C-alpha atoms as a PDB file:
ATOM      1  CA  MET A   1      54.272 -90.860 152.702  1.00  0.00           C
ATOM      2  CA  GLN A   2      54.044 -88.266 155.594  1.00  0.00           C
ATOM      3  CA  ALA A   3      53.936 -85.425 152.962  1.00  0.00           C
ATOM      4  CA  LEU A   4      50.395 -86.835 152.084  1.00  0.00           C
ATOM      5  CA  LEU A   5      49.178 -85.559 155.523  1.00  0.00           C
ATOM      6  CA  VAL A   6      49.570 -81.981 154.064  1.00  0.00           C
ATOM      7  CA  LEU A   7      46.341 -82.774 152.298  1.00  0.00           C
ATOM      8  CA  ASN A   8      44.539 -82.496 155.640  1.00  0.00           C
ATOM      9  CA  LEU A   9      45.045 -78.833 155.427  1.00  0.00           C
ATOM     10  CA  ILE A  10      43.273 -78.212 152.079  1.00  0.00           C
ATOM     11  CA  VAL A  11      39.764 -77.873 153.906  1.00  0.00           C
ATOM     12  CA  PRO A  12      40.820 -75.289 156.326  1.00  0.00           C
ATOM     13  CA  ILE A  13      42.886 -73.428 153.854  1.00  0.00           C
ATOM     14  CA  ILE A  14      39.764 -73.176 151.554  1.00  0.00           C
ATOM     15  CA  MET A  15      37.569 -72.135 154.573  1.00  0.00           C
ATOM     16  CA  ILE A  16      39.962 -69.316 155.381  1.00  0.00           C
ATOM     17  CA  THR A  17      40.362 -68.265 151.733  1.00  0.00           C
ATOM     18  CA  VAL A  18      36.689 -68.333 151.138  1.00  0.00           C
ATOM     19  CA  GLY A  19      35.925 -66.252 154.238  1.00  0.00           C
ATOM     20  CA  ALA A  20      38.608 -63.757 153.317  1.00  0.00           C
ATOM     21  CA  ALA A  21      37.276 -63.402 149.861  1.00  0.00           C
ATOM     22  CA  LEU A  22      33.710 -62.924 151.131  1.00  0.00           C
ATOM     23  CA  LYS A  23      34.879 -60.323 153.653  1.00  0.00           C
ATOM     24  CA  LYS A  24      36.920 -58.386 151.017  1.00  0.00           C
ATOM     25  CA  HIS A  25      34.182 -58.615 148.467  1.00  0.00           C
ATOM     26  CA  PRO A  26      30.681 -58.918 150.170  1.00  0.00           C
ATOM     27  CA  VAL A  27      27.849 -59.813 148.033  1.00  0.00           C
ATOM     28  CA  SER A  28      24.981 -57.244 148.056  1.00  0.00           C
ATOM     29  CA  ASP A  29      22.551 -58.902 145.656  1.00  0.00           C
ATOM     30  CA  ILE A  30      20.421 -61.505 147.178  1.00  0.00           C
ATOM     31  CA  ASN A  31      19.271 -62.961 143.894  1.00  0.00           C
ATOM     32  CA  SER A  32      22.766 -63.454 142.606  1.00  0.00           C
ATOM     33  CA  GLY A  33      23.322 -66.969 144.122  1.00  0.00           C
ATOM     34  CA  ASN A  34      26.748 -65.795 145.326  1.00  0.00           C
ATOM     35  CA  GLY A  35      27.961 -65.188 148.857  1.00  0.00           C
ATOM     36  CA  TYR A  36      26.760 -67.022 151.913  1.00  0.00           C
ATOM     37  CA  CYS A  37      23.626 -68.416 150.102  1.00  0.00           C
ATOM     38  CA  THR A  38      21.460 -70.743 152.245  1.00  0.00           C
ATOM     39  CA  PRO A  39      17.751 -70.673 153.016  1.00  0.00           C
ATOM     40  CA  ALA A  40      18.183 -69.032 156.385  1.00  0.00           C
ATOM     41  CA  SER A  41      20.285 -66.223 154.699  1.00  0.00           C
ATOM     42  CA  ARG A  42      17.693 -65.752 152.044  1.00  0.00           C
ATOM     43  CA  LYS A  43      14.572 -65.197 154.168  1.00  0.00           C
ATOM     44  CA  SER A  44      14.785 -61.323 153.988  1.00  0.00           C
ATOM     45  CA  GLU A  45      17.207 -58.612 153.058  1.00  0.00           C
ATOM     46  CA  ALA A  46      18.045 -58.168 156.758  1.00  0.00           C
ATOM     47  CA  HIS A  47      18.904 -61.793 156.989  1.00  0.00           C
ATOM     48  CA  TRP A  48      20.968 -61.524 153.936  1.00  0.00           C
ATOM     49  CA  GLU A  49      23.063 -58.505 155.013  1.00  0.00           C
ATOM     50  CA  TYR A  50      23.504 -60.087 158.465  1.00  0.00           C
ATOM     51  CA  ALA A  51      24.776 -63.272 157.116  1.00  0.00           C
ATOM     52  CA  GLN A  52      27.138 -61.719 154.502  1.00  0.00           C
ATOM     53  CA  GLN A  53      28.630 -59.689 157.447  1.00  0.00           C
ATOM     54  CA  MET A  54      28.840 -62.601 159.925  1.00  0.00           C
ATOM     55  CA  ALA A  55      29.627 -65.554 157.803  1.00  0.00           C
ATOM     56  CA  PRO A  56      33.214 -64.775 156.518  1.00  0.00           C
ATOM     57  CA  GLU A  57      34.131 -64.013 160.098  1.00  0.00           C
ATOM     58  CA  ARG A  58      32.930 -67.480 161.315  1.00  0.00           C
ATOM     59  CA  PHE A  59      34.487 -69.239 158.346  1.00  0.00           C
ATOM     60  CA  ILE A  60      37.909 -67.585 158.934  1.00  0.00           C
ATOM     61  CA  LEU A  61      37.721 -68.287 162.759  1.00  0.00           C
ATOM     62  CA  LEU A  62      36.670 -71.859 162.311  1.00  0.00           C
ATOM     63  CA  GLY A  63      39.218 -72.538 159.541  1.00  0.00           C
ATOM     64  CA  LYS A  64      41.932 -71.457 161.895  1.00  0.00           C
ATOM     65  CA  TRP A  65      40.747 -73.703 164.667  1.00  0.00           C
ATOM     66  CA  LEU A  66      40.564 -76.532 162.046  1.00  0.00           C
ATOM     67  CA  SER A  67      44.036 -75.957 160.867  1.00  0.00           C
ATOM     68  CA  LEU A  68      45.234 -76.510 164.394  1.00  0.00           C
ATOM     69  CA  ALA A  69      43.188 -79.472 164.835  1.00  0.00           C
ATOM     70  CA  GLU A  70      44.385 -80.890 161.677  1.00  0.00           C
ATOM     71  CA  ILE A  71      47.938 -80.254 162.556  1.00  0.00           C
ATOM     72  CA  ALA A  72      47.694 -81.794 166.017  1.00  0.00           C
ATOM     73  CA  LEU A  73      45.808 -84.884 164.452  1.00  0.00           C
ATOM     74  CA  SER A  74      48.531 -85.371 161.770  1.00  0.00           C
ATOM     75  CA  LEU A  75      51.210 -85.052 164.562  1.00  0.00           C
ATOM     76  CA  ILE A  76      49.606 -87.598 166.600  1.00  0.00           C
ATOM     77  CA  LEU A  77      48.962 -89.978 163.810  1.00  0.00           C
ATOM     78  CA  PHE A  78      52.642 -89.545 162.639  1.00  0.00           C
ATOM     79  CA  VAL A  79      53.889 -90.455 166.109  1.00  0.00           C
ATOM     80  CA  PHE A  80      51.817 -93.483 166.212  1.00  0.00           C
ATOM     81  CA  HIS A  81      52.980 -94.395 162.603  1.00  0.00           C
ATOM     82  CA  VAL A  82      49.515 -94.650 161.239  1.00  0.00           C
ATOM     83  CA  TYR A  83      49.329 -95.686 157.683  1.00  0.00           C
ATOM     84  CA  ALA A  84      49.299 -92.376 155.736  1.00  0.00           C
ATOM     85  CA  PRO A  85      46.170 -93.015 153.457  1.00  0.00           C
ATOM     86  CA  TYR A  86      44.270 -93.873 156.794  1.00  0.00           C
ATOM     87  CA  SER A  87      45.593 -90.357 158.182  1.00  0.00           C
ATOM     88  CA  VAL A  88      44.524 -88.588 155.193  1.00  0.00           C
ATOM     89  CA  MET A  89      41.061 -90.135 155.303  1.00  0.00           C
ATOM     90  CA  THR A  90      40.772 -89.469 158.979  1.00  0.00           C
ATOM     91  CA  GLY A  91      41.859 -85.819 158.426  1.00  0.00           C
ATOM     92  CA  SER A  92      39.535 -85.288 155.431  1.00  0.00           C
ATOM     93  CA  CYS A  93      36.568 -86.789 157.483  1.00  0.00           C
ATOM     94  CA  LEU A  94      37.453 -84.238 160.438  1.00  0.00           C
ATOM     95  CA  GLY A  95      37.712 -81.432 157.926  1.00  0.00           C
ATOM     96  CA  PHE A  96      34.306 -82.189 156.050  1.00  0.00           C
ATOM     97  CA  LEU A  97      32.586 -82.485 159.459  1.00  0.00           C
ATOM     98  CA  TRP A  98      34.056 -79.237 160.684  1.00  0.00           C
ATOM     99  CA  LEU A  99      32.974 -77.652 157.388  1.00  0.00           C
ATOM    100  CA  GLY A 100      29.349 -78.859 157.851  1.00  0.00           C
ATOM    101  CA  TYR A 101      29.504 -77.568 161.413  1.00  0.00           C
ATOM    102  CA  ALA A 102      30.579 -74.205 160.080  1.00  0.00           C
ATOM    103  CA  PHE A 103      27.385 -73.949 157.952  1.00  0.00           C
ATOM    104  CA  TYR A 104      25.189 -75.326 160.907  1.00  0.00           C
ATOM    105  CA  ASP A 105      26.737 -72.868 163.113  1.00  0.00           C
ATOM    106  CA  THR A 106      26.295 -69.902 160.782  1.00  0.00           C
ATOM    107  CA  ASP A 107      22.604 -70.637 160.085  1.00  0.00           C
ATOM    108  CA  LYS A 108      21.897 -71.156 163.833  1.00  0.00           C
ATOM    109  CA  ARG A 109      23.247 -67.771 164.680  1.00  0.00           C
ATOM    110  CA  ILE A 110      21.346 -66.130 161.767  1.00  0.00           C
ATOM    111  CA  LYS A 111      18.131 -67.761 163.058  1.00  0.00           C
ATOM    112  CA  GLU A 112      18.798 -66.754 166.833  1.00  0.00           C
ATOM    113  CA  ARG A 113      19.548 -63.208 165.643  1.00  0.00           C
ATOM    114  CA  PHE A 114      16.063 -62.924 163.914  1.00  0.00           C
ATOM    115  CA  ALA A 115      14.014 -65.336 166.245  1.00  0.00           C
ATOM    116  CA  ASP A 116      12.070 -62.550 167.862  1.00  0.00           C
ATOM    117  CA  ARG A 117      11.225 -60.998 164.541  1.00  0.00           C
ATOM    118  CA  GLY A 118       9.809 -64.135 162.853  1.00  0.00           C
END
């Protein structure tokens, strides 16, 4: 049952993989719907270029931190003999909250960067 705890690493692995893919193959077309595509990043061409440059770095960094947090959480839950499905559910909730924070943080940084320009 402890093998189920590996499921907690799915979200951070996806974050790191997507960040690496966006870093290796940046999207230049704002109208393609690909890349880091949020309302904040689509405001202008300058917003778009900054978002495509900054978002992959943020997702890789936050994905690495999430990996460490998920491993620590899994170890703690394993030591306290928490029922595996509860551990997976806890880890999944942490992963999705962290993913939401990654989008929030990236959009916040885009808005801060262009706050004085309107």
